Amino acid sequence: MSKTWRIYILALLSFLVGTSEFIIAGILDKISSSMDISLVAAGQLITVFSLVYAIGTPIIMALTSGRDRRKLLLYALGLFEG
């Protein structure tokens, strides 16, 4: 695969991840009512999640930089699977 295609795929994936993050704002009222919490509390929970994600991602990337990416992906999928 050429480097140009890798950049296009990376840009597309970044767009998709960013889009999925903004969907939460549109359904925040439904999230708060289904969890039986206030709208403000649901917004704060999403804010905390975003901050932990933003701070934790570079740290995890630095800690796992020397490891095999395929094994890391398999471990992560196994962790979220069950």
PDB file of N, CA and C in Angstrom:
ATOM      1  N   MET A   1       0.850  -1.178   0.000  1.00  0.00           N
ATOM      2  CA  MET A   1       0.000   0.000   0.000  1.00  0.00           C
ATOM      3  C   MET A   1       0.893   1.238   0.000  1.00  0.00           C
ATOM      4  N   SER A   2       0.575   2.178  -0.851  1.00  0.00           N
ATOM      5  CA  SER A   2       1.413   3.374  -0.946  1.00  0.00           C
ATOM      6  C   SER A   2       1.162   4.303   0.239  1.00  0.00           C
ATOM      7  N   LYS A   3       2.089   5.209   0.444  1.00  0.00           N
ATOM      8  CA  LYS A   3       1.968   6.141   1.566  1.00  0.00           C
ATOM      9  C   LYS A   3       0.778   7.072   1.405  1.00  0.00           C
ATOM     10  N   THR A   4       0.432   7.384   0.160  1.00  0.00           N
ATOM     11  CA  THR A   4      -0.712   8.265  -0.076  1.00  0.00           C
ATOM     12  C   THR A   4      -1.996   7.620   0.419  1.00  0.00           C
ATOM     13  N   TRP A   5      -2.183   6.338   0.136  1.00  0.00           N
ATOM     14  CA  TRP A   5      -3.388   5.657   0.595  1.00  0.00           C
ATOM     15  C   TRP A   5      -3.428   5.552   2.111  1.00  0.00           C
ATOM     16  N   ARG A   6      -2.298   5.362   2.729  1.00  0.00           N
ATOM     17  CA  ARG A   6      -2.262   5.293   4.192  1.00  0.00           C
ATOM     18  C   ARG A   6      -2.721   6.610   4.808  1.00  0.00           C
ATOM     19  N   ILE A   7      -2.325   7.701   4.208  1.00  0.00           N
ATOM     20  CA  ILE A   7      -2.741   9.011   4.716  1.00  0.00           C
ATOM     21  C   ILE A   7      -4.241   9.198   4.539  1.00  0.00           C
ATOM     22  N   TYR A   8      -4.774   8.780   3.392  1.00  0.00           N
ATOM     23  CA  TYR A   8      -6.217   8.888   3.161  1.00  0.00           C
ATOM     24  C   TYR A   8      -7.007   8.038   4.161  1.00  0.00           C
ATOM     25  N   ILE A   9      -6.532   6.842   4.420  1.00  0.00           N
ATOM     26  CA  ILE A   9      -7.209   5.968   5.380  1.00  0.00           C
ATOM     27  C   ILE A   9      -7.135   6.557   6.778  1.00  0.00           C
ATOM     28  N   LEU A  10      -5.984   7.087   7.160  1.00  0.00           N
ATOM     29  CA  LEU A  10      -5.843   7.722   8.466  1.00  0.00           C
ATOM     30  C   LEU A  10      -6.774   8.920   8.604  1.00  0.00           C
ATOM     31  N   ALA A  11      -6.882   9.725   7.560  1.00  0.00           N
ATOM     32  CA  ALA A  11      -7.781  10.878   7.597  1.00  0.00           C
ATOM     33  C   ALA A  11      -9.232  10.437   7.716  1.00  0.00           C
ATOM     34  N   LEU A  12      -9.617   9.395   7.000  1.00  0.00           N
ATOM     35  CA  LEU A  12     -10.984   8.890   7.076  1.00  0.00           C
ATOM     36  C   LEU A  12     -11.295   8.354   8.465  1.00  0.00           C
ATOM     37  N   LEU A  13     -10.378   7.591   9.034  1.00  0.00           N
ATOM     38  CA  LEU A  13     -10.594   7.060  10.378  1.00  0.00           C
ATOM     39  C   LEU A  13     -10.669   8.171  11.417  1.00  0.00           C
ATOM     40  N   SER A  14      -9.840   9.186  11.281  1.00  0.00           N
ATOM     41  CA  SER A  14      -9.896  10.323  12.204  1.00  0.00           C
ATOM     42  C   SER A  14     -11.234  11.038  12.100  1.00  0.00           C
ATOM     43  N   PHE A  15     -11.738  11.187  10.883  1.00  0.00           N
ATOM     44  CA  PHE A  15     -13.046  11.804  10.682  1.00  0.00           C
ATOM     45  C   PHE A  15     -14.145  10.980  11.346  1.00  0.00           C
ATOM     46  N   LEU A  16     -14.094   9.663  11.171  1.00  0.00           N
ATOM     47  CA  LEU A  16     -15.121   8.806  11.752  1.00  0.00           C
ATOM     48  C   LEU A  16     -15.086   8.830  13.274  1.00  0.00           C
ATOM     49  N   VAL A  17     -13.904   8.812  13.859  1.00  0.00           N
ATOM     50  CA  VAL A  17     -13.796   8.877  15.319  1.00  0.00           C
ATOM     51  C   VAL A  17     -14.317  10.211  15.829  1.00  0.00           C
ATOM     52  N   GLY A  18     -13.957  11.299  15.173  1.00  0.00           N
ATOM     53  CA  GLY A  18     -14.442  12.617  15.579  1.00  0.00           C
ATOM     54  C   GLY A  18     -15.943  12.743  15.455  1.00  0.00           C
ATOM     55  N   THR A  19     -16.508  12.178  14.392  1.00  0.00           N
ATOM     56  CA  THR A  19     -17.955  12.226  14.199  1.00  0.00           C
ATOM     57  C   THR A  19     -18.672  11.455  15.294  1.00  0.00           C
ATOM     58  N   SER A  20     -18.153  10.307  15.656  1.00  0.00           N
ATOM     59  CA  SER A  20     -18.809   9.517  16.698  1.00  0.00           C
ATOM     60  C   SER A  20     -18.780  10.231  18.045  1.00  0.00           C
ATOM     61  N   GLU A  21     -17.774  11.037  18.286  1.00  0.00           N
ATOM     62  CA  GLU A  21     -17.719  11.788  19.538  1.00  0.00           C
ATOM     63  C   GLU A  21     -18.783  12.880  19.588  1.00  0.00           C
ATOM     64  N   PHE A  22     -19.111  13.479  18.444  1.00  0.00           N
ATOM     65  CA  PHE A  22     -20.099  14.555  18.430  1.00  0.00           C
ATOM     66  C   PHE A  22     -21.532  14.043  18.456  1.00  0.00           C
ATOM     67  N   ILE A  23     -21.755  12.782  18.166  1.00  0.00           N
ATOM     68  CA  ILE A  23     -23.105  12.228  18.199  1.00  0.00           C
ATOM     69  C   ILE A  23     -23.659  12.262  19.616  1.00  0.00           C
ATOM     70  N   ILE A  24     -22.803  12.098  20.598  1.00  0.00           N
ATOM     71  CA  ILE A  24     -23.230  12.076  21.996  1.00  0.00           C
ATOM     72  C   ILE A  24     -23.971  13.355  22.369  1.00  0.00           C
ATOM     73  N   ALA A  25     -23.528  14.487  21.865  1.00  0.00           N
ATOM     74  CA  ALA A  25     -24.178  15.757  22.201  1.00  0.00           C
ATOM     75  C   ALA A  25     -25.631  15.781  21.742  1.00  0.00           C
ATOM     76  N   GLY A  26     -25.934  15.131  20.643  1.00  0.00           N
ATOM     77  CA  GLY A  26     -27.298  15.117  20.132  1.00  0.00           C
ATOM     78  C   GLY A  26     -28.237  14.216  20.897  1.00  0.00           C
ATOM     79  N   ILE A  27     -27.703  13.210  21.556  1.00  0.00           N
ATOM     80  CA  ILE A  27     -28.557  12.278  22.291  1.00  0.00           C
ATOM     81  C   ILE A  27     -28.339  12.355  23.799  1.00  0.00           C
ATOM     82  N   LEU A  28     -27.787  13.453  24.243  1.00  0.00           N
ATOM     83  CA  LEU A  28     -27.483  13.606  25.668  1.00  0.00           C
ATOM     84  C   LEU A  28     -28.735  13.533  26.530  1.00  0.00           C
ATOM     85  N   ASP A  29     -29.836  14.122  26.080  1.00  0.00           N
ATOM     86  CA  ASP A  29     -31.066  14.074  26.871  1.00  0.00           C
ATOM     87  C   ASP A  29     -31.606  12.654  26.994  1.00  0.00           C
ATOM     88  N   LYS A  30     -31.461  11.854  25.965  1.00  0.00           N
ATOM     89  CA  LYS A  30     -31.913  10.463  26.027  1.00  0.00           C
ATOM     90  C   LYS A  30     -31.015   9.635  26.943  1.00  0.00           C
ATOM     91  N   ILE A  31     -29.735   9.934  26.924  1.00  0.00           N
ATOM     92  CA  ILE A  31     -28.806   9.236  27.818  1.00  0.00           C
ATOM     93  C   ILE A  31     -29.141   9.549  29.270  1.00  0.00           C
ATOM     94  N   SER A  32     -29.388  10.820  29.561  1.00  0.00           N
ATOM     95  CA  SER A  32     -29.684  11.204  30.941  1.00  0.00           C
ATOM     96  C   SER A  32     -31.000  10.605  31.419  1.00  0.00           C
ATOM     97  N   SER A  33     -32.005  10.553  30.562  1.00  0.00           N
ATOM     98  CA  SER A  33     -33.283   9.979  30.994  1.00  0.00           C
ATOM     99  C   SER A  33     -33.198   8.465  31.141  1.00  0.00           C
ATOM    100  N   SER A  34     -32.438   7.793  30.288  1.00  0.00           N
ATOM    101  CA  SER A  34     -32.326   6.338  30.407  1.00  0.00           C
ATOM    102  C   SER A  34     -31.495   5.924  31.616  1.00  0.00           C
ATOM    103  N   MET A  35     -30.561   6.776  32.030  1.00  0.00           N
ATOM    104  CA  MET A  35     -29.749   6.472  33.209  1.00  0.00           C
ATOM    105  C   MET A  35     -30.350   7.056  34.477  1.00  0.00           C
ATOM    106  N   ASP A  36     -31.464   7.778  34.328  1.00  0.00           N
ATOM    107  CA  ASP A  36     -32.172   8.405  35.445  1.00  0.00           C
ATOM    108  C   ASP A  36     -31.263   9.356  36.234  1.00  0.00           C
ATOM    109  N   ILE A  37     -30.531  10.188  35.486  1.00  0.00           N
ATOM    110  CA  ILE A  37     -29.707  11.232  36.083  1.00  0.00           C
ATOM    111  C   ILE A  37     -30.042  12.546  35.393  1.00  0.00           C
ATOM    112  N   SER A  38     -29.588  13.642  35.976  1.00  0.00           N
ATOM    113  CA  SER A  38     -29.886  14.941  35.380  1.00  0.00           C
ATOM    114  C   SER A  38     -29.069  15.152  34.107  1.00  0.00           C
ATOM    115  N   LEU A  39     -29.526  16.084  33.298  1.00  0.00           N
ATOM    116  CA  LEU A  39     -28.831  16.405  32.050  1.00  0.00           C
ATOM    117  C   LEU A  39     -27.427  16.935  32.332  1.00  0.00           C
ATOM    118  N   VAL A  40     -27.302  17.713  33.400  1.00  0.00           N
ATOM    119  CA  VAL A  40     -25.999  18.265  33.787  1.00  0.00           C
ATOM    120  C   VAL A  40     -25.036  17.149  34.189  1.00  0.00           C
ATOM    121  N   ALA A  41     -25.531  16.180  34.965  1.00  0.00           N
ATOM    122  CA  ALA A  41     -24.676  15.071  35.396  1.00  0.00           C
ATOM    123  C   ALA A  41     -24.227  14.232  34.204  1.00  0.00           C
ATOM    124  N   ALA A  42     -25.120  14.008  33.249  1.00  0.00           N
ATOM    125  CA  ALA A  42     -24.747  13.251  32.052  1.00  0.00           C
ATOM    126  C   ALA A  42     -23.688  14.004  31.256  1.00  0.00           C
ATOM    127  N   GLY A  43     -23.827  15.320  31.148  1.00  0.00           N
ATOM    128  CA  GLY A  43     -22.824  16.126  30.458  1.00  0.00           C
ATOM    129  C   GLY A  43     -21.478  16.083  31.157  1.00  0.00           C
ATOM    130  N   GLN A  44     -21.506  16.097  32.482  1.00  0.00           N
ATOM    131  CA  GLN A  44     -20.252  16.025  33.236  1.00  0.00           C
ATOM    132  C   GLN A  44     -19.580  14.666  33.070  1.00  0.00           C
ATOM    133  N   LEU A  45     -20.371  13.601  33.027  1.00  0.00           N
ATOM    134  CA  LEU A  45     -19.796  12.274  32.814  1.00  0.00           C
ATOM    135  C   LEU A  45     -19.117  12.178  31.452  1.00  0.00           C
ATOM    136  N   ILE A  46     -19.732  12.754  30.453  1.00  0.00           N
ATOM    137  CA  ILE A  46     -19.137  12.739  29.117  1.00  0.00           C
ATOM    138  C   ILE A  46     -17.881  13.598  29.077  1.00  0.00           C
ATOM    139  N   THR A  47     -17.887  14.704  29.809  1.00  0.00           N
ATOM    140  CA  THR A  47     -16.697  15.554  29.885  1.00  0.00           C
ATOM    141  C   THR A  47     -15.541  14.817  30.551  1.00  0.00           C
ATOM    142  N   VAL A  48     -15.829  14.117  31.641  1.00  0.00           N
ATOM    143  CA  VAL A  48     -14.788  13.352  32.333  1.00  0.00           C
ATOM    144  C   VAL A  48     -14.243  12.257  31.416  1.00  0.00           C
ATOM    145  N   PHE A  49     -15.128  11.569  30.707  1.00  0.00           N
ATOM    146  CA  PHE A  49     -14.682  10.544  29.760  1.00  0.00           C
ATOM    147  C   PHE A  49     -13.753  11.141  28.709  1.00  0.00           C
ATOM    148  N   SER A  50     -14.126  12.281  28.165  1.00  0.00           N
ATOM    149  CA  SER A  50     -13.314  12.915  27.122  1.00  0.00           C
ATOM    150  C   SER A  50     -11.953  13.340  27.650  1.00  0.00           C
ATOM    151  N   LEU A  51     -11.910  13.875  28.858  1.00  0.00           N
ATOM    152  CA  LEU A  51     -10.633  14.286  29.446  1.00  0.00           C
ATOM    153  C   LEU A  51      -9.721  13.090  29.702  1.00  0.00           C
ATOM    154  N   VAL A  52     -10.282  12.022  30.250  1.00  0.00           N
ATOM    155  CA  VAL A  52      -9.479  10.821  30.501  1.00  0.00           C
ATOM    156  C   VAL A  52      -8.969  10.245  29.186  1.00  0.00           C
ATOM    157  N   TYR A  53      -9.802  10.260  28.168  1.00  0.00           N
ATOM    158  CA  TYR A  53      -9.407   9.768  26.844  1.00  0.00           C
ATOM    159  C   TYR A  53      -8.281  10.618  26.267  1.00  0.00           C
ATOM    160  N   ALA A  54      -8.411  11.939  26.381  1.00  0.00           N
ATOM    161  CA  ALA A  54      -7.404  12.848  25.819  1.00  0.00           C
ATOM    162  C   ALA A  54      -6.077  12.761  26.564  1.00  0.00           C
ATOM    163  N   ILE A  55      -6.125  12.590  27.861  1.00  0.00           N
ATOM    164  CA  ILE A  55      -4.896  12.511  28.654  1.00  0.00           C
ATOM    165  C   ILE A  55      -4.287  11.110  28.588  1.00  0.00           C
ATOM    166  N   GLY A  56      -5.131  10.094  28.604  1.00  0.00           N
ATOM    167  CA  GLY A  56      -4.642   8.722  28.650  1.00  0.00           C
ATOM    168  C   GLY A  56      -4.081   8.189  27.349  1.00  0.00           C
ATOM    169  N   THR A  57      -4.602   8.651  26.233  1.00  0.00           N
ATOM    170  CA  THR A  57      -4.161   8.120  24.942  1.00  0.00           C
ATOM    171  C   THR A  57      -2.674   8.331  24.683  1.00  0.00           C
ATOM    172  N   PRO A  58      -2.125   9.537  24.844  1.00  0.00           N
ATOM    173  CA  PRO A  58      -0.676   9.683  24.614  1.00  0.00           C
ATOM    174  C   PRO A  58       0.168   8.874  25.595  1.00  0.00           C
ATOM    175  N   ILE A  59      -0.310   8.738  26.812  1.00  0.00           N
ATOM    176  CA  ILE A  59       0.438   7.960  27.808  1.00  0.00           C
ATOM    177  C   ILE A  59       0.468   6.491  27.410  1.00  0.00           C
ATOM    178  N   ILE A  60      -0.677   5.956  27.030  1.00  0.00           N
ATOM    179  CA  ILE A  60      -0.737   4.555  26.615  1.00  0.00           C
ATOM    180  C   ILE A  60       0.083   4.333  25.348  1.00  0.00           C
ATOM    181  N   MET A  61       0.039   5.278  24.433  1.00  0.00           N
ATOM    182  CA  MET A  61       0.836   5.156  23.209  1.00  0.00           C
ATOM    183  C   MET A  61       2.330   5.132  23.528  1.00  0.00           C
ATOM    184  N   ALA A  62       2.757   5.968  24.465  1.00  0.00           N
ATOM    185  CA  ALA A  62       4.174   6.000  24.833  1.00  0.00           C
ATOM    186  C   ALA A  62       4.593   4.708  25.536  1.00  0.00           C
ATOM    187  N   LEU A  63       3.716   4.184  26.386  1.00  0.00           N
ATOM    188  CA  LEU A  63       4.051   2.969  27.121  1.00  0.00           C
ATOM    189  C   LEU A  63       4.073   1.729  26.234  1.00  0.00           C
ATOM    190  N   THR A  64       3.297   1.734  25.175  1.00  0.00           N
ATOM    191  CA  THR A  64       3.209   0.550  24.317  1.00  0.00           C
ATOM    192  C   THR A  64       3.924   0.716  22.984  1.00  0.00           C
ATOM    193  N   SER A  65       4.761   1.711  22.859  1.00  0.00           N
ATOM    194  CA  SER A  65       5.393   1.990  21.564  1.00  0.00           C
ATOM    195  C   SER A  65       6.334   0.882  21.102  1.00  0.00           C
ATOM    196  N   GLY A  66       6.933   0.161  22.008  1.00  0.00           N
ATOM    197  CA  GLY A  66       7.883  -0.870  21.619  1.00  0.00           C
ATOM    198  C   GLY A  66       7.272  -2.247  21.442  1.00  0.00           C
ATOM    199  N   ARG A  67       5.994  -2.363  21.589  1.00  0.00           N
ATOM    200  CA  ARG A  67       5.341  -3.667  21.521  1.00  0.00           C
ATOM    201  C   ARG A  67       4.782  -3.947  20.123  1.00  0.00           C
ATOM    202  N   ASP A  68       4.510  -5.203  19.882  1.00  0.00           N
ATOM    203  CA  ASP A  68       3.932  -5.625  18.607  1.00  0.00           C
ATOM    204  C   ASP A  68       2.482  -5.142  18.527  1.00  0.00           C
ATOM    205  N   ARG A  69       2.169  -4.380  17.492  1.00  0.00           N
ATOM    206  CA  ARG A  69       0.833  -3.774  17.354  1.00  0.00           C
ATOM    207  C   ARG A  69      -0.265  -4.817  17.191  1.00  0.00           C
ATOM    208  N   ARG A  70       0.037  -5.877  16.493  1.00  0.00           N
ATOM    209  CA  ARG A  70      -0.981  -6.905  16.277  1.00  0.00           C
ATOM    210  C   ARG A  70      -1.379  -7.560  17.597  1.00  0.00           C
ATOM    211  N   LYS A  71      -0.397  -7.888  18.431  1.00  0.00           N
ATOM    212  CA  LYS A  71      -0.698  -8.491  19.728  1.00  0.00           C
ATOM    213  C   LYS A  71      -1.447  -7.514  20.625  1.00  0.00           C
ATOM    214  N   LEU A  72      -1.062  -6.242  20.584  1.00  0.00           N
ATOM    215  CA  LEU A  72      -1.768  -5.245  21.386  1.00  0.00           C
ATOM    216  C   LEU A  72      -3.228  -5.134  20.976  1.00  0.00           C
ATOM    217  N   LEU A  73      -3.477  -5.146  19.684  1.00  0.00           N
ATOM    218  CA  LEU A  73      -4.847  -5.070  19.198  1.00  0.00           C
ATOM    219  C   LEU A  73      -5.647  -6.293  19.630  1.00  0.00           C
ATOM    220  N   LEU A  74      -5.041  -7.456  19.557  1.00  0.00           N
ATOM    221  CA  LEU A  74      -5.730  -8.672  19.987  1.00  0.00           C
ATOM    222  C   LEU A  74      -6.010  -8.655  21.483  1.00  0.00           C
ATOM    223  N   TYR A  75      -5.066  -8.179  22.289  1.00  0.00           N
ATOM    224  CA  TYR A  75      -5.288  -8.071  23.729  1.00  0.00           C
ATOM    225  C   TYR A  75      -6.405  -7.076  24.046  1.00  0.00           C
ATOM    226  N   ALA A  76      -6.398  -5.951  23.345  1.00  0.00           N
ATOM    227  CA  ALA A  76      -7.435  -4.944  23.579  1.00  0.00           C
ATOM    228  C   ALA A  76      -8.813  -5.469  23.195  1.00  0.00           C
ATOM    229  N   LEU A  77      -8.891  -6.165  22.067  1.00  0.00           N
ATOM    230  CA  LEU A  77     -10.174  -6.753  21.674  1.00  0.00           C
ATOM    231  C   LEU A  77     -10.629  -7.802  22.678  1.00  0.00           C
ATOM    232  N   GLY A  78      -9.702  -8.594  23.175  1.00  0.00           N
ATOM    233  CA  GLY A  78     -10.044  -9.581  24.197  1.00  0.00           C
ATOM    234  C   GLY A  78     -10.505  -8.940  25.491  1.00  0.00           C
ATOM    235  N   LEU A  79      -9.900  -7.818  25.848  1.00  0.00           N
ATOM    236  CA  LEU A  79     -10.292  -7.108  27.064  1.00  0.00           C
ATOM    237  C   LEU A  79     -11.713  -6.574  26.956  1.00  0.00           C
ATOM    238  N   PHE A  80     -12.055  -5.994  25.822  1.00  0.00           N
ATOM    239  CA  PHE A  80     -13.388  -5.434  25.648  1.00  0.00           C
ATOM    240  C   PHE A  80     -14.430  -6.506  25.347  1.00  0.00           C
ATOM    241  N   GLU A  81     -13.987  -7.634  24.853  1.00  0.00           N
ATOM    242  CA  GLU A  81     -14.908  -8.721  24.520  1.00  0.00           C
ATOM    243  C   GLU A  81     -15.485  -9.372  25.775  1.00  0.00           C
ATOM    244  N   GLY A  82     -14.658  -9.541  26.759  1.00  0.00           N
ATOM    245  CA  GLY A  82     -15.252 -10.226  27.894  1.00  0.00           C
ATOM    246  C   GLY A  82     -14.328 -10.344  29.017  1.00  0.00           C
TER     247      GLY A  82
END
